[in-house]
Amino acid sequence: MAKKRRKLNKDYEKKIYSSKKNVELVLAKIYDIDDEEIQKEYMSAFNGVVYLFDQLKENYELHGFSDNSKELLNNYENAFNLFESEFEI
């Protein structure tokens, strides 16, 4: 049986790429924090955002653009915005 092709979406791919850059930037800023305790606190808080981004990216790579894609992107964006509002970095 032939494998079903993934449905692609260029706009969604751009959002994933942009999200990846945002995650990398925040992680770099967290790693630049000298105080180990503060760094651990920020990293612990940001791990949830990283997890949601990984879910978003993996889902797109495996299944392409689907009904679930918008929800995953929305969950990631909400978590990222919440982190930014609670932690000044």
Protein backbone atom coordinates (compact mmCIF):
# COMPACT_ATOMS: atom_id res chain seq x y z
CA MET A 1 0.00 0.00 0.00
CA ALA A 2 1.34 3.43 -0.91
CA LYS A 3 2.29 5.79 1.86
CA LYS A 4 0.02 8.83 2.18
CA ARG A 5 1.78 12.10 1.36
CA ARG A 6 2.07 14.80 3.98
CA LYS A 7 0.10 17.96 3.34
CA LEU A 8 2.51 20.90 3.39
CA ASN A 9 1.86 24.53 4.20
CA LYS A 10 4.49 27.20 3.49
CA ASP A 11 3.05 29.75 5.94
CA TYR A 12 3.04 27.15 8.70
CA GLU A 13 6.63 26.20 7.87
CA LYS A 14 7.63 29.87 8.22
CA LYS A 15 5.96 30.00 11.63
CA ILE A 16 7.81 26.86 12.72
CA TYR A 17 11.12 28.32 11.50
CA SER A 18 10.44 31.59 13.31
CA SER A 19 9.45 29.69 16.46
CA LYS A 20 12.66 27.68 16.28
CA LYS A 21 14.72 30.88 16.11
CA ASN A 22 12.82 32.33 19.08
CA VAL A 23 13.44 29.20 21.16
CA GLU A 24 17.14 29.20 20.24
CA LEU A 25 17.46 32.89 21.14
CA VAL A 26 15.82 32.47 24.55
CA LEU A 27 17.91 29.37 25.29
CA ALA A 28 21.08 31.29 24.40
CA LYS A 29 20.04 34.10 26.74
CA ILE A 30 19.30 31.61 29.52
CA TYR A 31 22.71 29.95 29.08
CA ASP A 32 24.33 33.40 29.34
CA ILE A 33 22.94 33.94 32.85
CA ASP A 34 25.83 33.80 35.31
CA ASP A 35 23.86 32.99 38.45
CA GLU A 36 23.33 29.22 38.42
CA GLU A 37 20.18 29.31 40.54
CA ILE A 38 18.49 31.88 38.33
CA GLN A 39 19.60 29.99 35.24
CA LYS A 40 18.01 26.78 36.60
CA GLU A 41 14.80 28.64 37.42
CA TYR A 42 14.54 30.11 33.91
CA MET A 43 15.44 26.79 32.29
CA SER A 44 12.85 24.95 34.34
CA ALA A 45 10.18 27.46 33.33
CA PHE A 46 11.21 27.39 29.66
CA ASN A 47 11.30 23.57 29.37
CA GLY A 48 7.53 23.51 28.84
CA VAL A 49 7.83 25.90 25.91
CA VAL A 50 10.62 23.79 24.39
CA TYR A 51 8.50 20.66 24.81
CA LEU A 52 5.55 22.26 23.02
CA PHE A 53 7.81 23.46 20.20
CA ASP A 54 9.25 19.95 19.81
CA GLN A 55 5.71 18.55 19.61
CA LEU A 56 4.77 21.14 17.01
CA LYS A 57 7.82 20.44 14.86
CA GLU A 58 7.62 16.65 15.15
CA ASN A 59 3.92 16.60 14.30
CA TYR A 60 4.54 18.62 11.15
CA GLU A 61 7.49 16.46 10.10
CA LEU A 62 5.51 13.24 10.58
CA HIS A 63 2.01 14.24 9.50
CA GLY A 64 2.32 17.54 7.68
CA PHE A 65 -0.31 20.24 8.06
CA SER A 66 -3.39 18.77 9.70
CA ASP A 67 -6.38 19.70 11.84
CA ASN A 68 -4.16 19.39 14.90
CA SER A 69 -1.49 21.79 13.57
CA LYS A 70 -3.23 25.04 14.44
CA GLU A 71 -3.94 23.86 17.98
CA LEU A 72 -0.30 22.85 18.50
CA LEU A 73 0.93 26.21 17.20
CA ASN A 74 -1.56 28.06 19.40
CA ASN A 75 -0.47 26.06 22.48
CA TYR A 76 3.19 26.84 21.77
CA GLU A 77 2.55 30.55 21.16
CA ASN A 78 0.50 30.88 24.34
CA ALA A 79 3.20 29.16 26.41
CA PHE A 80 5.94 31.30 24.85
CA ASN A 81 3.99 34.51 25.49
CA LEU A 82 3.29 33.46 29.08
CA PHE A 83 6.99 32.78 29.65
CA GLU A 84 7.91 36.18 28.21
CA SER A 85 5.37 37.93 30.40
CA GLU A 86 6.53 36.20 33.59
CA PHE A 87 10.28 36.21 33.00
CA GLU A 88 12.26 39.19 31.80
CA ILE A 89 15.07 37.98 29.63
